Amino acid sequence: MPLAVGLRLVALRARALRLGVWRFVSPTARALIDATIHYLRRGGRIKSQTLLAALQKAINEVMNLVTPLRQKAIALGRAAARQRGVELDEETALALGLQILNTPGRWRPKITPMWP
C-alpha cells in the first residue's frame, strides 16, 4: 500500500471527525482504520488480500456516512438510468435518485451505484 493510501486514510478519518460521523462508525472499522494508519506511518506495507478486503469494507462504511445525500442521490439516479439504457442530466438524476431513496426497501429496485 503506497504512502498516498495512508494519507487518504488520514484525510478520510479527519473528515469523518470534522463532520461528527466518526462515532457512528462501528468500533471494528474504527480500530482497523486507526491501526492501519499507525502501521503505514511506521513504514509498514500491507500485503494481505484479506486485510485489504476488510479495510475496503471499513472505508466503504465511513464513506457512506461522509458522502453528502445529494451526491448519493445523483449517483443512484444515474445508475438507475444506466440500467435502463438512458443518459440523464444532473437535475433529473438527482430527482430520480431522491425518489428511489424515498421508496421503502420492500419496493426499492436493486441498483448498485458507485458512490463518489
PDB file of N, CA and C in Angstrom:
ATOM      1  N   MET A   1       0.852  -1.170   0.000  1.00  0.00           N
ATOM      2  CA  MET A   1       0.000   0.000   0.000  1.00  0.00           C
ATOM      3  C   MET A   1       0.900   1.235   0.000  1.00  0.00           C
ATOM      4  N   PRO A   2       0.790   2.074  -1.007  1.00  0.00           N
ATOM      5  CA  PRO A   2       1.668   3.239  -1.083  1.00  0.00           C
ATOM      6  C   PRO A   2       1.330   4.292  -0.034  1.00  0.00           C
ATOM      7  N   LEU A   3       2.226   5.249   0.095  1.00  0.00           N
ATOM      8  CA  LEU A   3       2.066   6.320   1.077  1.00  0.00           C
ATOM      9  C   LEU A   3       0.799   7.127   0.824  1.00  0.00           C
ATOM     10  N   ALA A   4       0.439   7.293  -0.443  1.00  0.00           N
ATOM     11  CA  ALA A   4      -0.754   8.079  -0.777  1.00  0.00           C
ATOM     12  C   ALA A   4      -2.010   7.474  -0.159  1.00  0.00           C
ATOM     13  N   VAL A   5      -2.068   6.144  -0.077  1.00  0.00           N
ATOM     14  CA  VAL A   5      -3.233   5.485   0.517  1.00  0.00           C
ATOM     15  C   VAL A   5      -3.293   5.792   2.003  1.00  0.00           C
ATOM     16  N   GLY A   6      -2.151   5.774   2.675  1.00  0.00           N
ATOM     17  CA  GLY A   6      -2.117   6.112   4.093  1.00  0.00           C
ATOM     18  C   GLY A   6      -2.568   7.539   4.341  1.00  0.00           C
ATOM     19  N   LEU A   7      -2.146   8.452   3.467  1.00  0.00           N
ATOM     20  CA  LEU A   7      -2.568   9.848   3.615  1.00  0.00           C
ATOM     21  C   LEU A   7      -4.060  10.008   3.354  1.00  0.00           C
ATOM     22  N   ARG A   8      -4.590   9.216   2.423  1.00  0.00           N
ATOM     23  CA  ARG A   8      -6.026   9.275   2.164  1.00  0.00           C
ATOM     24  C   ARG A   8      -6.814   8.744   3.354  1.00  0.00           C
ATOM     25  N   LEU A   9      -6.290   7.729   4.018  1.00  0.00           N
ATOM     26  CA  LEU A   9      -6.956   7.220   5.220  1.00  0.00           C
ATOM     27  C   LEU A   9      -6.983   8.288   6.306  1.00  0.00           C
ATOM     28  N   VAL A  10      -5.877   8.999   6.454  1.00  0.00           N
ATOM     29  CA  VAL A  10      -5.819  10.076   7.444  1.00  0.00           C
ATOM     30  C   VAL A  10      -6.837  11.155   7.086  1.00  0.00           C
ATOM     31  N   ALA A  11      -6.920  11.509   5.811  1.00  0.00           N
ATOM     32  CA  ALA A  11      -7.868  12.537   5.375  1.00  0.00           C
ATOM     33  C   ALA A  11      -9.311  12.074   5.571  1.00  0.00           C
ATOM     34  N   LEU A  12      -9.578  10.797   5.304  1.00  0.00           N
ATOM     35  CA  LEU A  12     -10.927  10.265   5.488  1.00  0.00           C
ATOM     36  C   LEU A  12     -11.324  10.286   6.962  1.00  0.00           C
ATOM     37  N   ARG A  13     -10.407   9.876   7.831  1.00  0.00           N
ATOM     38  CA  ARG A  13     -10.691   9.896   9.267  1.00  0.00           C
ATOM     39  C   ARG A  13     -10.892  11.335   9.754  1.00  0.00           C
ATOM     40  N   ALA A  14     -10.060  12.254   9.278  1.00  0.00           N
ATOM     41  CA  ALA A  14     -10.191  13.658   9.682  1.00  0.00           C
ATOM     42  C   ALA A  14     -11.528  14.240   9.217  1.00  0.00           C
ATOM     43  N   ARG A  15     -11.942  13.890   8.010  1.00  0.00           N
ATOM     44  CA  ARG A  15     -13.222  14.393   7.503  1.00  0.00           C
ATOM     45  C   ARG A  15     -14.387  13.828   8.311  1.00  0.00           C
ATOM     46  N   ALA A  16     -14.316  12.539   8.650  1.00  0.00           N
ATOM     47  CA  ALA A  16     -15.378  11.928   9.457  1.00  0.00           C
ATOM     48  C   ALA A  16     -15.433  12.559  10.844  1.00  0.00           C
ATOM     49  N   LEU A  17     -14.271  12.854  11.414  1.00  0.00           N
ATOM     50  CA  LEU A  17     -14.239  13.517  12.718  1.00  0.00           C
ATOM     51  C   LEU A  17     -14.804  14.932  12.621  1.00  0.00           C
ATOM     52  N   ARG A  18     -14.437  15.641  11.569  1.00  0.00           N
ATOM     53  CA  ARG A  18     -14.892  17.019  11.394  1.00  0.00           C
ATOM     54  C   ARG A  18     -16.412  17.085  11.203  1.00  0.00           C
ATOM     55  N   LEU A  19     -16.973  16.106  10.486  1.00  0.00           N
ATOM     56  CA  LEU A  19     -18.413  16.093  10.241  1.00  0.00           C
ATOM     57  C   LEU A  19     -19.200  15.478  11.395  1.00  0.00           C
ATOM     58  N   GLY A  20     -18.503  14.877  12.346  1.00  0.00           N
ATOM     59  CA  GLY A  20     -19.164  14.305  13.514  1.00  0.00           C
ATOM     60  C   GLY A  20     -19.776  12.938  13.289  1.00  0.00           C
ATOM     61  N   VAL A  21     -19.341  12.225  12.264  1.00  0.00           N
ATOM     62  CA  VAL A  21     -19.906  10.902  11.994  1.00  0.00           C
ATOM     63  C   VAL A  21     -18.975   9.767  12.403  1.00  0.00           C
ATOM     64  N   TRP A  22     -17.785  10.097  12.881  1.00  0.00           N
ATOM     65  CA  TRP A  22     -16.816   9.066  13.269  1.00  0.00           C
ATOM     66  C   TRP A  22     -17.382   8.182  14.376  1.00  0.00           C
ATOM     67  N   ARG A  23     -18.205   8.741  15.246  1.00  0.00           N
ATOM     68  CA  ARG A  23     -18.766   7.968  16.359  1.00  0.00           C
ATOM     69  C   ARG A  23     -19.819   6.973  15.894  1.00  0.00           C
ATOM     70  N   PHE A  24     -20.359   7.154  14.692  1.00  0.00           N
ATOM     71  CA  PHE A  24     -21.349   6.220  14.161  1.00  0.00           C
ATOM     72  C   PHE A  24     -20.709   5.054  13.417  1.00  0.00           C
ATOM     73  N   VAL A  25     -19.414   5.119  13.170  1.00  0.00           N
ATOM     74  CA  VAL A  25     -18.695   4.031  12.514  1.00  0.00           C
ATOM     75  C   VAL A  25     -18.522   2.915  13.536  1.00  0.00           C
ATOM     76  N   SER A  26     -18.622   1.673  13.076  1.00  0.00           N
ATOM     77  CA  SER A  26     -18.504   0.545  14.004  1.00  0.00           C
ATOM     78  C   SER A  26     -17.121   0.551  14.660  1.00  0.00           C
ATOM     79  N   PRO A  27     -17.043   0.093  15.903  1.00  0.00           N
ATOM     80  CA  PRO A  27     -15.754   0.081  16.606  1.00  0.00           C
ATOM     81  C   PRO A  27     -14.687  -0.742  15.885  1.00  0.00           C
ATOM     82  N   THR A  28     -15.098  -1.817  15.239  1.00  0.00           N
ATOM     83  CA  THR A  28     -14.142  -2.645  14.500  1.00  0.00           C
ATOM     84  C   THR A  28     -13.539  -1.870  13.333  1.00  0.00           C
ATOM     85  N   ALA A  29     -14.377  -1.169  12.592  1.00  0.00           N
ATOM     86  CA  ALA A  29     -13.892  -0.390  11.449  1.00  0.00           C
ATOM     87  C   ALA A  29     -12.989   0.746  11.910  1.00  0.00           C
ATOM     88  N   ARG A  30     -13.370   1.407  13.012  1.00  0.00           N
ATOM     89  CA  ARG A  30     -12.527   2.490  13.542  1.00  0.00           C
ATOM     90  C   ARG A  30     -11.161   1.959  13.950  1.00  0.00           C
ATOM     91  N   ALA A  31     -11.161   0.830  14.653  1.00  0.00           N
ATOM     92  CA  ALA A  31      -9.893   0.257  15.107  1.00  0.00           C
ATOM     93  C   ALA A  31      -9.029  -0.163  13.928  1.00  0.00           C
ATOM     94  N   LEU A  32      -9.650  -0.749  12.909  1.00  0.00           N
ATOM     95  CA  LEU A  32      -8.897  -1.193  11.737  1.00  0.00           C
ATOM     96  C   LEU A  32      -8.280  -0.007  10.999  1.00  0.00           C
ATOM     97  N   ILE A  33      -9.036   1.059  10.833  1.00  0.00           N
ATOM     98  CA  ILE A  33      -8.510   2.237  10.137  1.00  0.00           C
ATOM     99  C   ILE A  33      -7.400   2.886  10.955  1.00  0.00           C
ATOM    100  N   ASP A  34      -7.609   3.032  12.256  1.00  0.00           N
ATOM    101  CA  ASP A  34      -6.577   3.629  13.112  1.00  0.00           C
ATOM    102  C   ASP A  34      -5.301   2.790  13.126  1.00  0.00           C
ATOM    103  N   ALA A  35      -5.450   1.472  13.234  1.00  0.00           N
ATOM    104  CA  ALA A  35      -4.276   0.592  13.250  1.00  0.00           C
ATOM    105  C   ALA A  35      -3.541   0.633  11.914  1.00  0.00           C
ATOM    106  N   THR A  36      -4.287   0.704  10.824  1.00  0.00           N
ATOM    107  CA  THR A  36      -3.659   0.770   9.501  1.00  0.00           C
ATOM    108  C   THR A  36      -2.890   2.070   9.330  1.00  0.00           C
ATOM    109  N   ILE A  37      -3.477   3.171   9.768  1.00  0.00           N
ATOM    110  CA  ILE A  37      -2.780   4.461   9.688  1.00  0.00           C
ATOM    111  C   ILE A  37      -1.485   4.406  10.489  1.00  0.00           C
ATOM    112  N   HIS A  38      -1.566   3.874  11.697  1.00  0.00           N
ATOM    113  CA  HIS A  38      -0.379   3.784  12.557  1.00  0.00           C
ATOM    114  C   HIS A  38       0.682   2.882  11.922  1.00  0.00           C
ATOM    115  N   TYR A  39       0.261   1.747  11.367  1.00  0.00           N
ATOM    116  CA  TYR A  39       1.191   0.798  10.758  1.00  0.00           C
ATOM    117  C   TYR A  39       1.871   1.400   9.523  1.00  0.00           C
ATOM    118  N   LEU A  40       1.097   2.107   8.700  1.00  0.00           N
ATOM    119  CA  LEU A  40       1.675   2.702   7.493  1.00  0.00           C
ATOM    120  C   LEU A  40       2.598   3.873   7.817  1.00  0.00           C
ATOM    121  N   ARG A  41       2.293   4.608   8.877  1.00  0.00           N
ATOM    122  CA  ARG A  41       3.175   5.711   9.282  1.00  0.00           C
ATOM    123  C   ARG A  41       4.534   5.200   9.736  1.00  0.00           C
ATOM    124  N   ARG A  42       4.561   4.010  10.292  1.00  0.00           N
ATOM    125  CA  ARG A  42       5.824   3.446  10.772  1.00  0.00           C
ATOM    126  C   ARG A  42       6.596   2.745   9.661  1.00  0.00           C
ATOM    127  N   GLY A  43       6.094   2.826   8.440  1.00  0.00           N
ATOM    128  CA  GLY A  43       6.825   2.268   7.313  1.00  0.00           C
ATOM    129  C   GLY A  43       6.372   0.889   6.898  1.00  0.00           C
ATOM    130  N   GLY A  44       5.274   0.406   7.443  1.00  0.00           N
ATOM    131  CA  GLY A  44       4.781  -0.919   7.098  1.00  0.00           C
ATOM    132  C   GLY A  44       4.162  -0.961   5.713  1.00  0.00           C
ATOM    133  N   ARG A  45       3.954  -2.181   5.252  1.00  0.00           N
ATOM    134  CA  ARG A  45       3.365  -2.388   3.935  1.00  0.00           C
ATOM    135  C   ARG A  45       2.346  -3.513   4.046  1.00  0.00           C
ATOM    136  N   ILE A  46       1.143  -3.291   3.575  1.00  0.00           N
ATOM    137  CA  ILE A  46       0.086  -4.292   3.683  1.00  0.00           C
ATOM    138  C   ILE A  46       0.097  -5.155   2.430  1.00  0.00           C
ATOM    139  N   LYS A  47       0.253  -6.471   2.645  1.00  0.00           N
ATOM    140  CA  LYS A  47       0.287  -7.404   1.528  1.00  0.00           C
ATOM    141  C   LYS A  47      -0.902  -8.361   1.540  1.00  0.00           C
ATOM    142  N   SER A  48      -1.525  -8.527   2.681  1.00  0.00           N
ATOM    143  CA  SER A  48      -2.608  -9.494   2.836  1.00  0.00           C
ATOM    144  C   SER A  48      -3.864  -9.043   2.090  1.00  0.00           C
ATOM    145  N   GLN A  49      -4.359  -9.905   1.216  1.00  0.00           N
ATOM    146  CA  GLN A  49      -5.581  -9.598   0.476  1.00  0.00           C
ATOM    147  C   GLN A  49      -6.797  -9.595   1.397  1.00  0.00           C
ATOM    148  N   THR A  50      -6.776 -10.444   2.420  1.00  0.00           N
ATOM    149  CA  THR A  50      -7.881 -10.484   3.379  1.00  0.00           C
ATOM    150  C   THR A  50      -7.949  -9.183   4.164  1.00  0.00           C
ATOM    151  N   LEU A  51      -6.795  -8.696   4.595  1.00  0.00           N
ATOM    152  CA  LEU A  51      -6.758  -7.431   5.323  1.00  0.00           C
ATOM    153  C   LEU A  51      -7.189  -6.274   4.429  1.00  0.00           C
ATOM    154  N   LEU A  52      -6.773  -6.299   3.177  1.00  0.00           N
ATOM    155  CA  LEU A  52      -7.185  -5.247   2.244  1.00  0.00           C
ATOM    156  C   LEU A  52      -8.698  -5.267   2.018  1.00  0.00           C
ATOM    157  N   ALA A  53      -9.284  -6.463   1.945  1.00  0.00           N
ATOM    158  CA  ALA A  53     -10.740  -6.566   1.770  1.00  0.00           C
ATOM    159  C   ALA A  53     -11.468  -6.023   2.999  1.00  0.00           C
ATOM    160  N   ALA A  54     -10.971  -6.350   4.195  1.00  0.00           N
ATOM    161  CA  ALA A  54     -11.585  -5.845   5.425  1.00  0.00           C
ATOM    162  C   ALA A  54     -11.434  -4.332   5.513  1.00  0.00           C
ATOM    163  N   LEU A  55     -10.279  -3.827   5.109  1.00  0.00           N
ATOM    164  CA  LEU A  55     -10.048  -2.383   5.119  1.00  0.00           C
ATOM    165  C   LEU A  55     -10.966  -1.682   4.119  1.00  0.00           C
ATOM    166  N   GLN A  56     -11.195  -2.303   2.973  1.00  0.00           N
ATOM    167  CA  GLN A  56     -12.105  -1.723   1.978  1.00  0.00           C
ATOM    168  C   GLN A  56     -13.526  -1.635   2.528  1.00  0.00           C
ATOM    169  N   LYS A  57     -13.970  -2.665   3.257  1.00  0.00           N
ATOM    170  CA  LYS A  57     -15.304  -2.624   3.872  1.00  0.00           C
ATOM    171  C   LYS A  57     -15.393  -1.500   4.900  1.00  0.00           C
ATOM    172  N   ALA A  58     -14.331  -1.332   5.688  1.00  0.00           N
ATOM    173  CA  ALA A  58     -14.319  -0.268   6.695  1.00  0.00           C
ATOM    174  C   ALA A  58     -14.348   1.103   6.025  1.00  0.00           C
ATOM    175  N   ILE A  59     -13.597   1.260   4.948  1.00  0.00           N
ATOM    176  CA  ILE A  59     -13.575   2.532   4.220  1.00  0.00           C
ATOM    177  C   ILE A  59     -14.946   2.819   3.612  1.00  0.00           C
ATOM    178  N   ASN A  60     -15.590   1.791   3.058  1.00  0.00           N
ATOM    179  CA  ASN A  60     -16.931   1.985   2.488  1.00  0.00           C
ATOM    180  C   ASN A  60     -17.935   2.399   3.558  1.00  0.00           C
ATOM    181  N   GLU A  61     -17.797   1.840   4.755  1.00  0.00           N
ATOM    182  CA  GLU A  61     -18.695   2.211   5.848  1.00  0.00           C
ATOM    183  C   GLU A  61     -18.537   3.691   6.199  1.00  0.00           C
ATOM    184  N   VAL A  62     -17.296   4.156   6.257  1.00  0.00           N
ATOM    185  CA  VAL A  62     -17.057   5.568   6.569  1.00  0.00           C
ATOM    186  C   VAL A  62     -17.525   6.453   5.412  1.00  0.00           C
ATOM    187  N   MET A  63     -17.258   6.026   4.189  1.00  0.00           N
ATOM    188  CA  MET A  63     -17.659   6.821   3.024  1.00  0.00           C
ATOM    189  C   MET A  63     -19.174   6.978   2.940  1.00  0.00           C
ATOM    190  N   ASN A  64     -19.922   5.937   3.319  1.00  0.00           N
ATOM    191  CA  ASN A  64     -21.381   6.045   3.304  1.00  0.00           C
ATOM    192  C   ASN A  64     -21.871   7.106   4.273  1.00  0.00           C
ATOM    193  N   LEU A  65     -21.167   7.293   5.372  1.00  0.00           N
ATOM    194  CA  LEU A  65     -21.568   8.298   6.349  1.00  0.00           C
ATOM    195  C   LEU A  65     -21.082   9.698   5.978  1.00  0.00           C
ATOM    196  N   VAL A  66     -19.964   9.779   5.276  1.00  0.00           N
ATOM    197  CA  VAL A  66     -19.340  11.067   4.969  1.00  0.00           C
ATOM    198  C   VAL A  66     -19.904  11.687   3.689  1.00  0.00           C
ATOM    199  N   THR A  67     -20.285  10.848   2.726  1.00  0.00           N
ATOM    200  CA  THR A  67     -20.751  11.349   1.440  1.00  0.00           C
ATOM    201  C   THR A  67     -22.082  12.077   1.598  1.00  0.00           C
ATOM    202  N   PRO A  68     -22.206  13.287   1.052  1.00  0.00           N
ATOM    203  CA  PRO A  68     -23.464  14.033   1.147  1.00  0.00           C
ATOM    204  C   PRO A  68     -24.611  13.315   0.426  1.00  0.00           C
ATOM    205  N   LEU A  69     -25.821  13.515   0.922  1.00  0.00           N
ATOM    206  CA  LEU A  69     -27.002  12.862   0.364  1.00  0.00           C
ATOM    207  C   LEU A  69     -27.205  13.247  -1.099  1.00  0.00           C
ATOM    208  N   ARG A  70     -26.895  14.474  -1.448  1.00  0.00           N
ATOM    209  CA  ARG A  70     -27.070  14.921  -2.834  1.00  0.00           C
ATOM    210  C   ARG A  70     -26.221  14.081  -3.789  1.00  0.00           C
ATOM    211  N   GLN A  71     -24.967  13.839  -3.433  1.00  0.00           N
ATOM    212  CA  GLN A  71     -24.095  13.037  -4.292  1.00  0.00           C
ATOM    213  C   GLN A  71     -24.575  11.593  -4.372  1.00  0.00           C
ATOM    214  N   LYS A  72     -25.067  11.052  -3.244  1.00  0.00           N
ATOM    215  CA  LYS A  72     -25.598   9.688  -3.258  1.00  0.00           C
ATOM    216  C   LYS A  72     -26.808   9.592  -4.183  1.00  0.00           C
ATOM    217  N   ALA A  73     -27.696  10.583  -4.094  1.00  0.00           N
ATOM    218  CA  ALA A  73     -28.904  10.569  -4.921  1.00  0.00           C
ATOM    219  C   ALA A  73     -28.556  10.684  -6.403  1.00  0.00           C
ATOM    220  N   ILE A  74     -27.606  11.534  -6.750  1.00  0.00           N
ATOM    221  CA  ILE A  74     -27.203  11.677  -8.153  1.00  0.00           C
ATOM    222  C   ILE A  74     -26.589  10.381  -8.663  1.00  0.00           C
ATOM    223  N   ALA A  75     -25.722   9.760  -7.866  1.00  0.00           N
ATOM    224  CA  ALA A  75     -25.098   8.501  -8.278  1.00  0.00           C
ATOM    225  C   ALA A  75     -26.148   7.406  -8.437  1.00  0.00           C
ATOM    226  N   LEU A  76     -27.099   7.351  -7.526  1.00  0.00           N
ATOM    227  CA  LEU A  76     -28.153   6.343  -7.594  1.00  0.00           C
ATOM    228  C   LEU A  76     -29.056   6.578  -8.802  1.00  0.00           C
ATOM    229  N   GLY A  77     -29.407   7.831  -9.070  1.00  0.00           N
ATOM    230  CA  GLY A  77     -30.233   8.150 -10.233  1.00  0.00           C
ATOM    231  C   GLY A  77     -29.537   7.819 -11.540  1.00  0.00           C
ATOM    232  N   ARG A  78     -28.262   8.115 -11.621  1.00  0.00           N
ATOM    233  CA  ARG A  78     -27.513   7.787 -12.848  1.00  0.00           C
ATOM    234  C   ARG A  78     -27.372   6.282 -13.030  1.00  0.00           C
ATOM    235  N   ALA A  79     -27.167   5.555 -11.924  1.00  0.00           N
ATOM    236  CA  ALA A  79     -27.060   4.096 -12.012  1.00  0.00           C
ATOM    237  C   ALA A  79     -28.387   3.486 -12.460  1.00  0.00           C
ATOM    238  N   ALA A  80     -29.498   4.008 -11.946  1.00  0.00           N
ATOM    239  CA  ALA A  80     -30.817   3.505 -12.352  1.00  0.00           C
ATOM    240  C   ALA A  80     -31.066   3.793 -13.828  1.00  0.00           C
ATOM    241  N   ALA A  81     -30.703   4.978 -14.278  1.00  0.00           N
ATOM    242  CA  ALA A  81     -30.888   5.330 -15.686  1.00  0.00           C
ATOM    243  C   ALA A  81     -29.985   4.484 -16.579  1.00  0.00           C
ATOM    244  N   ARG A  82     -28.760   4.228 -16.128  1.00  0.00           N
ATOM    245  CA  ARG A  82     -27.821   3.419 -16.899  1.00  0.00           C
ATOM    246  C   ARG A  82     -28.349   1.995 -17.069  1.00  0.00           C
ATOM    247  N   GLN A  83     -29.012   1.467 -16.029  1.00  0.00           N
ATOM    248  CA  GLN A  83     -29.592   0.127 -16.134  1.00  0.00           C
ATOM    249  C   GLN A  83     -30.675   0.077 -17.202  1.00  0.00           C
ATOM    250  N   ARG A  84     -31.377   1.178 -17.380  1.00  0.00           N
ATOM    251  CA  ARG A  84     -32.445   1.237 -18.377  1.00  0.00           C
ATOM    252  C   ARG A  84     -31.929   1.706 -19.738  1.00  0.00           C
ATOM    253  N   GLY A  85     -30.651   2.018 -19.824  1.00  0.00           N
ATOM    254  CA  GLY A  85     -30.058   2.439 -21.082  1.00  0.00           C
ATOM    255  C   GLY A  85     -30.346   3.881 -21.446  1.00  0.00           C
ATOM    256  N   VAL A  86     -30.528   4.745 -20.439  1.00  0.00           N
ATOM    257  CA  VAL A  86     -30.850   6.156 -20.664  1.00  0.00           C
ATOM    258  C   VAL A  86     -29.765   7.007 -20.018  1.00  0.00           C
ATOM    259  N   GLU A  87     -29.442   8.130 -20.638  1.00  0.00           N
ATOM    260  CA  GLU A  87     -28.476   9.074 -20.071  1.00  0.00           C
ATOM    261  C   GLU A  87     -29.242  10.292 -19.564  1.00  0.00           C
ATOM    262  N   LEU A  88     -28.985  10.695 -18.304  1.00  0.00           N
ATOM    263  CA  LEU A  88     -29.717  11.797 -17.681  1.00  0.00           C
ATOM    264  C   LEU A  88     -28.794  12.956 -17.344  1.00  0.00           C
ATOM    265  N   ASP A  89     -29.372  14.158 -17.277  1.00  0.00           N
ATOM    266  CA  ASP A  89     -28.614  15.295 -16.776  1.00  0.00           C
ATOM    267  C   ASP A  89     -28.618  15.234 -15.244  1.00  0.00           C
ATOM    268  N   GLU A  90     -27.885  16.134 -14.624  1.00  0.00           N
ATOM    269  CA  GLU A  90     -27.685  16.071 -13.176  1.00  0.00           C
ATOM    270  C   GLU A  90     -28.979  16.291 -12.391  1.00  0.00           C
ATOM    271  N   GLU A  91     -29.806  17.237 -12.811  1.00  0.00           N
ATOM    272  CA  GLU A  91     -31.043  17.526 -12.072  1.00  0.00           C
ATOM    273  C   GLU A  91     -32.026  16.365 -12.134  1.00  0.00           C
ATOM    274  N   THR A  92     -32.158  15.764 -13.304  1.00  0.00           N
ATOM    275  CA  THR A  92     -33.069  14.631 -13.444  1.00  0.00           C
ATOM    276  C   THR A  92     -32.541  13.427 -12.677  1.00  0.00           C
ATOM    277  N   ALA A  93     -31.226  13.219 -12.709  1.00  0.00           N
ATOM    278  CA  ALA A  93     -30.632  12.121 -11.944  1.00  0.00           C
ATOM    279  C   ALA A  93     -30.840  12.334 -10.450  1.00  0.00           C
ATOM    280  N   LEU A  94     -30.730  13.585  -9.993  1.00  0.00           N
ATOM    281  CA  LEU A  94     -30.974  13.900  -8.587  1.00  0.00           C
ATOM    282  C   LEU A  94     -32.418  13.588  -8.210  1.00  0.00           C
ATOM    283  N   ALA A  95     -33.363  14.003  -9.048  1.00  0.00           N
ATOM    284  CA  ALA A  95     -34.778  13.750  -8.759  1.00  0.00           C
ATOM    285  C   ALA A  95     -35.070  12.251  -8.728  1.00  0.00           C
ATOM    286  N   LEU A  96     -34.544  11.515  -9.693  1.00  0.00           N
ATOM    287  CA  LEU A  96     -34.760  10.068  -9.733  1.00  0.00           C
ATOM    288  C   LEU A  96     -34.115   9.391  -8.529  1.00  0.00           C
ATOM    289  N   GLY A  97     -32.909   9.817  -8.175  1.00  0.00           N
ATOM    290  CA  GLY A  97     -32.223   9.239  -7.023  1.00  0.00           C
ATOM    291  C   GLY A  97     -32.956   9.500  -5.724  1.00  0.00           C
ATOM    292  N   LEU A  98     -33.490  10.702  -5.548  1.00  0.00           N
ATOM    293  CA  LEU A  98     -34.265  11.008  -4.340  1.00  0.00           C
ATOM    294  C   LEU A  98     -35.552  10.193  -4.284  1.00  0.00           C
ATOM    295  N   GLN A  99     -36.178   9.983  -5.439  1.00  0.00           N
ATOM    296  CA  GLN A  99     -37.376   9.146  -5.468  1.00  0.00           C
ATOM    297  C   GLN A  99     -37.046   7.717  -5.044  1.00  0.00           C
ATOM    298  N   ILE A 100     -35.929   7.204  -5.521  1.00  0.00           N
ATOM    299  CA  ILE A 100     -35.536   5.839  -5.166  1.00  0.00           C
ATOM    300  C   ILE A 100     -35.182   5.758  -3.685  1.00  0.00           C
ATOM    301  N   LEU A 101     -34.471   6.766  -3.166  1.00  0.00           N
ATOM    302  CA  LEU A 101     -34.113   6.757  -1.748  1.00  0.00           C
ATOM    303  C   LEU A 101     -35.344   6.870  -0.852  1.00  0.00           C
ATOM    304  N   ASN A 102     -36.395   7.546  -1.315  1.00  0.00           N
ATOM    305  CA  ASN A 102     -37.618   7.684  -0.530  1.00  0.00           C
ATOM    306  C   ASN A 102     -38.549   6.484  -0.655  1.00  0.00           C
ATOM    307  N   THR A 103     -38.257   5.578  -1.576  1.00  0.00           N
ATOM    308  CA  THR A 103     -39.064   4.377  -1.730  1.00  0.00           C
ATOM    309  C   THR A 103     -38.702   3.392  -0.623  1.00  0.00           C
ATOM    310  N   PRO A 104     -39.698   2.793   0.039  1.00  0.00           N
ATOM    311  CA  PRO A 104     -39.388   1.805   1.075  1.00  0.00           C
ATOM    312  C   PRO A 104     -38.580   0.641   0.513  1.00  0.00           C
ATOM    313  N   GLY A 105     -37.744   0.065   1.355  1.00  0.00           N
ATOM    314  CA  GLY A 105     -36.848  -1.001   0.922  1.00  0.00           C
ATOM    315  C   GLY A 105     -37.541  -2.186   0.283  1.00  0.00           C
ATOM    316  N   ARG A 106     -38.771  -2.438   0.691  1.00  0.00           N
ATOM    317  CA  ARG A 106     -39.520  -3.568   0.155  1.00  0.00           C
ATOM    318  C   ARG A 106     -39.770  -3.419  -1.348  1.00  0.00           C
ATOM    319  N   TRP A 107     -40.021  -2.195  -1.811  1.00  0.00           N
ATOM    320  CA  TRP A 107     -40.336  -1.959  -3.212  1.00  0.00           C
ATOM    321  C   TRP A 107     -39.192  -1.297  -3.980  1.00  0.00           C
ATOM    322  N   ARG A 108     -38.088  -1.043  -3.321  1.00  0.00           N
ATOM    323  CA  ARG A 108     -36.968  -0.362  -3.969  1.00  0.00           C
ATOM    324  C   ARG A 108     -36.303  -1.292  -4.977  1.00  0.00           C
ATOM    325  N   PRO A 109     -35.987  -0.787  -6.174  1.00  0.00           N
ATOM    326  CA  PRO A 109     -35.308  -1.634  -7.163  1.00  0.00           C
ATOM    327  C   PRO A 109     -33.873  -1.941  -6.733  1.00  0.00           C
ATOM    328  N   LYS A 110     -33.370  -3.067  -7.197  1.00  0.00           N
ATOM    329  CA  LYS A 110     -31.997  -3.473  -6.870  1.00  0.00           C
ATOM    330  C   LYS A 110     -31.026  -2.753  -7.807  1.00  0.00           C
ATOM    331  N   ILE A 111     -30.354  -1.748  -7.267  1.00  0.00           N
ATOM    332  CA  ILE A 111     -29.407  -0.942  -8.043  1.00  0.00           C
ATOM    333  C   ILE A 111     -28.128  -0.834  -7.230  1.00  0.00           C
ATOM    334  N   THR A 112     -26.989  -1.012  -7.884  1.00  0.00           N
ATOM    335  CA  THR A 112     -25.709  -0.868  -7.188  1.00  0.00           C
ATOM    336  C   THR A 112     -24.994   0.361  -7.733  1.00  0.00           C
ATOM    337  N   PRO A 113     -25.116   1.496  -7.053  1.00  0.00           N
ATOM    338  CA  PRO A 113     -24.447   2.714  -7.528  1.00  0.00           C
ATOM    339  C   PRO A 113     -22.977   2.719  -7.120  1.00  0.00           C
ATOM    340  N   MET A 114     -22.220   3.521  -7.810  1.00  0.00           N
ATOM    341  CA  MET A 114     -20.818   3.746  -7.461  1.00  0.00           C
ATOM    342  C   MET A 114     -20.763   5.076  -6.738  1.00  0.00           C
ATOM    343  N   TRP A 115     -20.610   5.034  -5.399  1.00  0.00           N
ATOM    344  CA  TRP A 115     -20.529   6.282  -4.638  1.00  0.00           C
ATOM    345  C   TRP A 115     -19.259   7.008  -5.025  1.00  0.00           C
ATOM    346  N   PRO A 116     -19.342   8.309  -5.062  1.00  0.00           N
ATOM    347  CA  PRO A 116     -18.141   9.089  -5.398  1.00  0.00           C
ATOM    348  C   PRO A 116     -17.094   9.003  -4.321  1.00  0.00           C
TER     349      PRO A 116
END
